[in-house]
Amino acid sequence: MTSTSHSPSNDKRQSVPLHMKLEAFAARCTLWLLRQVRPATSSNIGGKLCSRIGPLLPVSKIADTNLRLAMPELDKRERKRIIKGVWENLGRTVGEFPHIASLKEDMPDGPGFEVIGKEHLRAVARNGGPALFVSGHIGNWEMLPPAVAHYGAGFASFYRAAGNPLVDRMIRDLRDTAMDEPLPLFAKGAKGARDALRWVATGHRLGMLVDQKMNDGIEARFFNQPAMTAPALAAIALKFRCPVIPGHVQRLGPARLRIIVEPPMSLPDTGNRQNDVATFTQAINDRLEAWIRARPESWLWLHRRWPKEIYSASNQFK
């Protein structure tokens, strides 16, 4: 459900700089190698590699500061354990990505996925009309779109394109392969927002990951801190009064995942649209926070989620 925009289909590969071609060649070789091993092995390779290297990178200091701000009750050892887990989960997600299309539902053991709350997906597919799916970068979030599509409730997504158009093409091809039927990917930005609004207005479904900072969003609370948050999902939901289905992914083991789909969220209707948008945006943040608190190592703590002033006040950034 992480999304970016489709880059033009007629990519002019001859205009791509040499370093991007070399980068794409390395990515292609890596994907080929990962495909040669079983999904669990690929997951293990990615998890072990990232869990060893990631905690040594400067970006892990951001994760440590985020944890200090969000969960001050954690001591240094607990934060270190969570950060290692964050990197392991990220590495496993990358390692599993080439195998997403091959993972089967309800396998007795080993690689595969299960769905809790599938009745909510069946209801959305049966009822038709617009619907919104909301989640965050939790567990292997790449498994959400194909798992949901399996129940006839596939959704379009927002997508941030990779800087290298050749690598971006590979990523989009892998996502399309995992889907029963490829669905639109909207660019993050004004045009993508307009296209997504038209998509929902014509009775389609849209999925959004809403756990990252948006500087021009609205202020809501997240882990007891003010956090600029995108209000678009709340605004669209209230405009069309359509179901909003929350869901996230739990990791059970190497390439073994559990998709948890929850009942539709209640939409406020006080007659004050601005207040309703703020109320529902906060409700979404609260749901995300609950999932993350339950399994903090499953979330991507590597981004600066809160305002600069909060980080400065914490005296954690050097």
Protein backbone atom coordinates (compact mmCIF):
# COMPACT_ATOMS: atom_id res chain seq x y z
CA MET A 1 0.00 0.00 0.00
CA THR A 2 3.01 2.26 -0.06
CA SER A 3 2.58 4.18 -3.21
CA THR A 4 4.09 6.55 -5.83
CA SER A 5 3.13 7.68 -9.21
CA HIS A 6 3.46 5.81 -12.42
CA SER A 7 6.33 7.26 -14.31
CA PRO A 8 5.72 7.55 -18.06
CA SER A 9 5.51 4.18 -19.78
CA ASN A 10 7.76 5.40 -22.59
CA ASP A 11 10.81 5.92 -20.34
CA LYS A 12 13.70 7.16 -22.42
CA ARG A 13 16.28 4.79 -21.09
CA GLN A 14 19.01 6.27 -23.28
CA SER A 15 18.70 9.51 -21.28
CA VAL A 16 19.26 7.78 -17.92
CA PRO A 17 22.69 8.63 -16.47
CA LEU A 18 25.30 5.89 -16.36
CA HIS A 19 25.34 5.72 -12.55
CA MET A 20 21.58 5.04 -12.55
CA LYS A 21 22.04 2.27 -15.11
CA LEU A 22 24.72 0.71 -12.91
CA GLU A 23 22.47 1.06 -9.87
CA ALA A 24 19.62 -0.60 -11.76
CA PHE A 25 21.93 -3.42 -12.88
CA ALA A 26 22.93 -4.05 -9.27
CA ALA A 27 19.26 -4.02 -8.20
CA ARG A 28 18.35 -6.43 -10.98
CA CYS A 29 21.12 -8.81 -9.95
CA THR A 30 20.03 -8.62 -6.32
CA LEU A 31 16.43 -9.40 -7.25
CA TRP A 32 17.56 -12.32 -9.39
CA LEU A 33 19.63 -13.74 -6.54
CA LEU A 34 16.78 -13.38 -4.03
CA ARG A 35 14.42 -15.14 -6.42
CA GLN A 36 16.76 -18.15 -6.58
CA VAL A 37 16.19 -18.98 -2.92
CA ARG A 38 13.04 -19.82 -0.99
CA PRO A 39 10.95 -16.97 0.44
CA ALA A 40 11.93 -17.76 4.04
CA THR A 41 15.62 -17.86 3.11
CA SER A 42 15.33 -14.57 1.25
CA SER A 43 13.60 -13.07 4.29
CA ASN A 44 16.32 -14.37 6.60
CA ILE A 45 19.09 -12.96 4.39
CA GLY A 46 17.50 -9.50 4.34
CA GLY A 47 16.72 -9.56 8.05
CA LYS A 48 20.18 -10.62 9.19
CA LEU A 49 22.00 -8.22 6.88
CA CYS A 50 19.94 -5.18 7.84
CA SER A 51 19.84 -5.96 11.56
CA ARG A 52 23.65 -6.02 11.64
CA ILE A 53 24.33 -2.97 9.48
CA GLY A 54 21.29 -0.75 10.15
CA PRO A 55 21.88 0.00 13.85
CA LEU A 56 25.35 1.34 12.95
CA LEU A 57 23.98 3.91 10.49
CA PRO A 58 23.41 7.57 11.50
CA VAL A 59 19.69 7.29 10.75
CA SER A 60 19.36 4.97 13.74
CA LYS A 61 19.96 8.01 15.95
CA ILE A 62 16.68 9.39 14.60
CA ALA A 63 14.96 6.16 15.59
CA ASP A 64 16.44 6.36 19.08
CA THR A 65 15.26 9.95 19.50
CA ASN A 66 11.80 9.05 18.21
CA LEU A 67 11.56 6.28 20.78
CA ARG A 68 12.68 8.64 23.56
CA LEU A 69 9.96 11.09 22.56
CA ALA A 70 7.20 8.56 22.00
CA MET A 71 7.90 6.00 24.69
CA PRO A 72 10.01 7.64 27.41
CA GLU A 73 9.47 4.66 29.70
CA LEU A 74 11.90 2.59 27.58
CA ASP A 75 15.48 2.32 28.78
CA LYS A 76 18.54 2.32 26.53
CA ARG A 77 18.67 -1.46 26.22
CA GLU A 78 15.00 -1.67 25.21
CA ARG A 79 15.42 1.08 22.61
CA LYS A 80 18.46 -0.68 21.18
CA ARG A 81 16.52 -3.94 20.92
CA ILE A 82 13.61 -2.22 19.17
CA ILE A 83 15.87 -0.43 16.70
CA LYS A 84 17.55 -3.71 15.79
CA GLY A 85 14.08 -5.18 15.32
CA VAL A 86 13.08 -2.27 13.08
CA TRP A 87 16.03 -2.96 10.80
CA GLU A 88 15.38 -6.69 10.83
CA ASN A 89 11.75 -6.13 9.84
CA LEU A 90 12.77 -3.73 7.08
CA GLY A 91 15.36 -6.19 5.75
CA ARG A 92 12.85 -9.02 5.82
CA THR A 93 10.32 -6.86 4.00
CA VAL A 94 12.86 -6.20 1.24
CA GLY A 95 13.87 -9.85 1.12
CA GLU A 96 10.25 -10.97 0.86
CA PHE A 97 9.28 -8.40 -1.78
CA PRO A 98 10.38 -10.49 -4.81
CA HIS A 99 8.30 -13.41 -3.44
CA ILE A 100 5.08 -11.56 -2.53
CA ALA A 101 3.26 -12.87 -5.60
CA SER A 102 4.07 -16.49 -4.68
CA LEU A 103 2.90 -16.37 -1.05
CA LYS A 104 -0.28 -18.38 -0.54
CA GLU A 105 -3.04 -17.92 1.99
CA ASP A 106 -3.70 -20.27 4.92
CA MET A 107 -0.66 -22.49 4.47
CA PRO A 108 -0.35 -24.89 7.44
CA ASP A 109 3.21 -23.73 8.18
CA GLY A 110 6.12 -21.96 6.57
CA PRO A 111 5.82 -19.00 4.15
CA GLY A 112 2.39 -17.60 3.43
CA PHE A 113 -0.22 -15.31 4.92
CA GLU A 114 -3.47 -15.44 6.83
CA VAL A 115 -6.24 -12.87 7.07
CA ILE A 116 -8.10 -12.00 10.25
CA GLY A 117 -11.31 -10.05 9.59
CA LYS A 118 -11.81 -11.25 6.02
CA GLU A 119 -15.56 -10.72 6.49
CA HIS A 120 -14.96 -6.96 6.31
CA LEU A 121 -13.24 -7.34 2.94
CA ARG A 122 -16.04 -9.50 1.62
CA ALA A 123 -18.58 -6.89 2.74
CA VAL A 124 -16.73 -4.10 0.91
CA ALA A 125 -16.54 -6.21 -2.27
CA ARG A 126 -20.20 -7.20 -1.99
CA ASN A 127 -21.54 -3.72 -1.29
CA GLY A 128 -19.51 -2.00 -3.98
CA GLY A 129 -19.02 1.75 -4.13
CA PRO A 130 -16.16 3.83 -2.76
CA ALA A 131 -14.16 2.69 0.25
CA LEU A 132 -10.92 3.72 1.91
CA PHE A 133 -8.27 1.49 3.47
CA VAL A 134 -5.91 2.98 6.03
CA SER A 135 -2.66 1.61 7.40
CA GLY A 136 0.97 2.48 8.10
CA HIS A 137 4.48 1.20 7.48
CA ILE A 138 3.97 -1.70 9.88
CA GLY A 139 5.20 -5.28 9.43
CA ASN A 140 5.42 -6.12 5.73
CA TRP A 141 3.05 -3.43 4.47
CA GLU A 142 3.68 -4.56 0.87
CA MET A 143 1.48 -7.59 1.54
CA LEU A 144 -1.66 -5.52 2.16
CA PRO A 145 -2.68 -4.71 -1.45
CA PRO A 146 -2.44 -8.26 -2.87
CA ALA A 147 -4.05 -9.81 0.23
CA VAL A 148 -6.99 -7.41 0.08
CA ALA A 149 -7.31 -7.83 -3.70
CA HIS A 150 -7.61 -11.59 -3.14
CA TYR A 151 -11.06 -10.89 -1.67
CA GLY A 152 -12.23 -8.71 -4.53
CA ALA A 153 -11.60 -5.47 -2.64
CA GLY A 154 -8.43 -4.30 -4.40
CA PHE A 155 -7.56 -0.65 -3.99
CA ALA A 156 -5.50 2.00 -5.75
CA SER A 157 -2.68 3.62 -3.78
CA PHE A 158 -0.41 6.60 -3.44
CA TYR A 159 3.19 5.93 -4.34
CA ARG A 160 6.44 7.88 -4.02
CA ALA A 161 8.55 7.06 -7.07
CA ALA A 162 12.11 5.85 -6.62
CA GLY A 163 14.71 8.40 -7.72
CA ASN A 164 16.06 6.01 -10.33
CA PRO A 165 13.37 5.45 -13.01
CA LEU A 166 14.81 2.06 -13.95
CA VAL A 167 14.67 0.84 -10.36
CA ASP A 168 11.20 2.37 -10.04
CA ARG A 169 10.05 0.32 -13.03
CA MET A 170 11.28 -2.87 -11.35
CA ILE A 171 9.45 -2.03 -8.12
CA ARG A 172 6.19 -1.29 -9.94
CA ASP A 173 6.48 -4.47 -11.99
CA LEU A 174 6.87 -6.51 -8.80
CA ARG A 175 3.81 -4.83 -7.26
CA ASP A 176 1.74 -5.36 -10.41
CA THR A 177 2.75 -9.02 -10.57
CA ALA A 178 1.53 -9.56 -7.01
CA MET A 179 -1.91 -8.17 -7.82
CA ASP A 180 -4.72 -10.09 -9.52
CA GLU A 181 -5.26 -6.97 -11.58
CA PRO A 182 -2.94 -3.92 -11.54
CA LEU A 183 -4.58 -0.83 -10.09
CA PRO A 184 -3.58 2.85 -10.37
CA LEU A 185 -0.73 4.33 -8.36
CA PHE A 186 -1.19 8.05 -7.72
CA ALA A 187 1.69 10.48 -7.38
CA LYS A 188 2.01 12.19 -4.01
CA GLY A 189 1.23 15.83 -4.58
CA ALA A 190 -1.57 18.08 -5.80
CA LYS A 191 -2.18 16.32 -9.12
CA GLY A 192 -2.13 12.88 -7.55
CA ALA A 193 -4.58 14.05 -4.89
CA ARG A 194 -6.98 15.33 -7.56
CA ASP A 195 -6.70 12.07 -9.51
CA ALA A 196 -7.30 10.03 -6.36
CA LEU A 197 -10.35 12.13 -5.47
CA ARG A 198 -11.83 11.50 -8.93
CA TRP A 199 -11.07 7.80 -8.51
CA VAL A 200 -13.04 7.61 -5.27
CA ALA A 201 -15.80 9.85 -6.64
CA THR A 202 -16.41 7.32 -9.41
CA GLY A 203 -16.99 4.53 -6.91
CA HIS A 204 -13.53 3.02 -6.54
CA ARG A 205 -11.42 2.05 -3.53
CA LEU A 206 -8.28 3.81 -2.31
CA GLY A 207 -5.61 2.78 0.21
CA MET A 208 -3.40 5.19 2.14
CA LEU A 209 -0.43 4.88 4.50
CA VAL A 210 -0.82 7.86 6.81
CA ASP A 211 1.90 7.45 9.42
CA GLN A 212 4.49 9.92 8.10
CA LYS A 213 4.92 13.63 8.75
CA MET A 214 3.16 16.08 6.42
CA ASN A 215 4.40 19.63 6.93
CA ASP A 216 1.32 21.22 5.38
CA GLY A 217 -1.09 18.89 7.17
CA ILE A 218 -3.06 19.58 10.32
CA GLU A 219 -1.84 19.20 13.88
CA ALA A 220 -2.96 16.08 15.70
CA ARG A 221 -1.54 14.10 18.61
CA PHE A 222 0.66 11.07 18.07
CA PHE A 223 2.28 9.34 21.05
CA ASN A 224 1.31 12.32 23.21
CA GLN A 225 3.20 14.73 20.95
CA PRO A 226 1.89 17.24 18.39
CA ALA A 227 2.34 15.77 14.92
CA MET A 228 1.55 17.33 11.55
CA THR A 229 -0.74 14.80 9.90
CA ALA A 230 -2.26 14.46 6.45
CA PRO A 231 -6.02 15.20 6.65
CA ALA A 232 -6.81 13.93 3.14
CA LEU A 233 -8.16 10.53 4.16
CA ALA A 234 -10.49 12.06 6.74
CA ALA A 235 -11.64 14.72 4.25
CA ILE A 236 -12.38 12.15 1.54
CA ALA A 237 -14.16 9.81 3.95
CA LEU A 238 -16.41 12.60 5.23
CA LYS A 239 -17.10 13.94 1.74
CA PHE A 240 -18.36 10.59 0.44
CA ARG A 241 -19.44 9.04 3.79
CA CYS A 242 -17.76 5.84 2.64
CA PRO A 243 -16.40 2.96 4.74
CA VAL A 244 -12.90 3.40 6.18
CA ILE A 245 -11.29 0.04 6.82
CA PRO A 246 -8.22 -0.01 9.10
CA GLY A 247 -5.73 -2.83 8.74
CA HIS A 248 -2.12 -3.73 9.35
CA VAL A 249 0.33 -6.60 8.99
CA GLN A 250 1.87 -8.64 11.77
CA ARG A 251 5.00 -10.67 11.16
CA LEU A 252 4.68 -14.26 12.40
CA GLY A 253 7.99 -15.54 11.01
CA PRO A 254 10.18 -15.51 7.91
CA ALA A 255 7.85 -14.71 4.98
CA ARG A 256 4.90 -15.65 7.20
CA LEU A 257 2.45 -12.82 7.75
CA ARG A 258 -0.89 -12.08 9.36
CA ILE A 259 -3.12 -9.38 7.84
CA ILE A 260 -5.48 -7.97 10.44
CA VAL A 261 -8.53 -6.21 8.99
CA GLU A 262 -10.70 -4.32 11.45
CA PRO A 263 -14.35 -3.21 11.19
CA PRO A 264 -15.10 0.11 9.47
CA MET A 265 -14.37 3.14 11.63
CA SER A 266 -17.20 5.36 12.83
CA LEU A 267 -17.36 8.69 10.98
CA PRO A 268 -18.14 11.84 12.99
CA ASP A 269 -21.05 13.93 11.78
CA THR A 270 -21.45 17.04 13.92
CA GLY A 271 -22.17 19.41 11.06
CA ASN A 272 -18.83 21.18 11.56
CA ARG A 273 -16.68 19.77 8.78
CA GLN A 274 -13.40 21.22 10.00
CA ASN A 275 -13.89 19.77 13.46
CA ASP A 276 -15.00 16.44 12.02
CA VAL A 277 -11.86 16.23 9.85
CA ALA A 278 -9.70 16.96 12.90
CA THR A 279 -11.59 14.43 15.04
CA PHE A 280 -11.32 11.65 12.48
CA THR A 281 -7.66 12.40 11.74
CA GLN A 282 -6.99 12.02 15.45
CA ALA A 283 -8.92 8.75 15.55
CA ILE A 284 -6.71 7.39 12.77
CA ASN A 285 -3.54 8.44 14.63
CA ASP A 286 -4.85 6.77 17.77
CA ARG A 287 -5.44 3.52 15.88
CA LEU A 288 -1.93 3.59 14.39
CA GLU A 289 -0.42 4.31 17.80
CA ALA A 290 -2.20 1.33 19.35
CA TRP A 291 -0.82 -1.01 16.69
CA ILE A 292 2.69 0.38 17.07
CA ARG A 293 2.70 0.25 20.87
CA ALA A 294 1.73 -3.42 20.70
CA ARG A 295 4.75 -4.22 18.49
CA PRO A 296 7.08 -1.21 18.36
CA GLU A 297 9.80 -3.07 16.43
CA SER A 298 7.39 -3.55 13.53
CA TRP A 299 7.11 0.17 12.72
CA LEU A 300 9.50 2.30 10.66
CA TRP A 301 10.88 4.61 13.36
CA LEU A 302 13.52 5.99 10.98
CA HIS A 303 11.67 9.16 9.91
CA ARG A 304 11.40 12.45 11.79
CA ARG A 305 7.70 12.26 12.61
CA TRP A 306 7.42 15.28 14.93
CA PRO A 307 8.12 19.04 14.55
CA LYS A 308 11.72 20.27 14.57
CA GLU A 309 11.16 22.19 17.78
CA ILE A 310 10.38 18.99 19.67
CA TYR A 311 13.61 17.39 18.51
CA SER A 312 15.58 20.51 19.43
CA ALA A 313 14.02 20.56 22.87
CA SER A 314 14.92 16.95 23.43
CA ASN A 315 18.63 17.74 22.92
CA GLN A 316 19.02 14.41 21.18
CA PHE A 317 20.11 15.62 17.77
CA LYS A 318 23.74 16.65 17.46
